[in-house]
Amino acid sequence: MNKSDDKPDAQAVKSRQRVIGARLQAVYDDVVRQGVPDDFEQMLAALDELDDQSGPVKNGSNGNEG
């Protein structure tokens, strides 16, 4: 076995990386286009309201003292 058989061709590696990158980008773009489901947005809005009502939280505190 010679040296060229030990390592994949740099051109082939770059080509595979481009294909993988293109597929990952397509999956990402599809997820972004789907957006956030309405019920999830409503849940986040409700959590924001609760957070606003409870006031600021100190770092490292979970709200339970004592």
Protein backbone atom coordinates (compact mmCIF):
# COMPACT_ATOMS: atom_id res chain seq x y z
CA MET A 1 0.00 0.00 0.00
CA ASN A 2 1.51 3.32 -0.99
CA LYS A 3 1.12 6.76 0.60
CA SER A 4 -1.63 7.90 -1.80
CA ASP A 5 -3.83 5.00 -0.64
CA ASP A 6 -3.42 5.90 3.04
CA LYS A 7 -5.02 9.35 2.87
CA PRO A 8 -8.12 10.41 0.95
CA ASP A 9 -7.54 12.81 -1.90
CA ALA A 10 -7.76 16.42 -0.68
CA GLN A 11 -9.99 17.28 -3.64
CA ALA A 12 -12.40 14.45 -2.74
CA VAL A 13 -12.49 15.54 0.91
CA LYS A 14 -13.29 19.14 -0.05
CA SER A 15 -15.98 17.92 -2.43
CA ARG A 16 -17.62 15.83 0.29
CA GLN A 17 -17.43 18.76 2.71
CA ARG A 18 -19.19 20.99 0.18
CA VAL A 19 -21.95 18.41 -0.28
CA ILE A 20 -22.39 18.01 3.48
CA GLY A 21 -22.38 21.78 3.94
CA ALA A 22 -24.99 22.27 1.24
CA ARG A 23 -27.25 19.61 2.79
CA LEU A 24 -26.88 21.10 6.27
CA GLN A 25 -27.69 24.55 4.91
CA ALA A 26 -30.81 23.18 3.18
CA VAL A 27 -32.01 21.56 6.42
CA TYR A 28 -31.34 24.76 8.38
CA ASP A 29 -33.17 26.89 5.82
CA ASP A 30 -36.15 24.54 5.95
CA VAL A 31 -36.32 24.77 9.75
CA VAL A 32 -36.09 28.57 9.66
CA ARG A 33 -38.88 28.78 7.07
CA GLN A 34 -41.17 26.71 9.29
CA GLY A 35 -41.19 29.38 11.96
CA VAL A 36 -42.34 29.03 15.55
CA PRO A 37 -45.64 27.22 16.20
CA ASP A 38 -48.43 29.47 17.54
CA ASP A 39 -48.85 27.52 20.78
CA PHE A 40 -45.13 27.78 21.48
CA GLU A 41 -45.22 31.55 20.89
CA GLN A 42 -48.18 31.82 23.26
CA MET A 43 -46.30 29.85 25.91
CA LEU A 44 -43.26 32.10 25.55
CA ALA A 45 -45.44 35.20 25.81
CA ALA A 46 -47.06 33.84 29.00
CA LEU A 47 -43.62 33.15 30.47
CA ASP A 48 -42.52 36.68 29.59
CA GLU A 49 -45.57 38.08 31.39
CA LEU A 50 -44.79 36.00 34.48
CA ASP A 51 -41.19 37.16 34.37
CA ASP A 52 -42.30 40.81 34.11
CA GLN A 53 -44.64 40.38 37.08
CA SER A 54 -42.03 38.72 39.30
CA GLY A 55 -39.47 41.47 38.85
CA PRO A 56 -35.72 41.13 38.41
CA VAL A 57 -34.01 37.92 39.49
CA LYS A 58 -30.54 38.04 41.00
CA ASN A 59 -27.86 35.87 39.42
CA GLY A 60 -27.57 32.50 41.10
CA SER A 61 -30.95 32.86 42.83
CA ASN A 62 -33.89 30.63 42.07
CA GLY A 63 -36.29 32.73 44.10
CA ASN A 64 -36.28 30.38 47.07
CA GLU A 65 -34.54 31.92 50.03
CA GLY A 66 -33.98 30.41 53.41
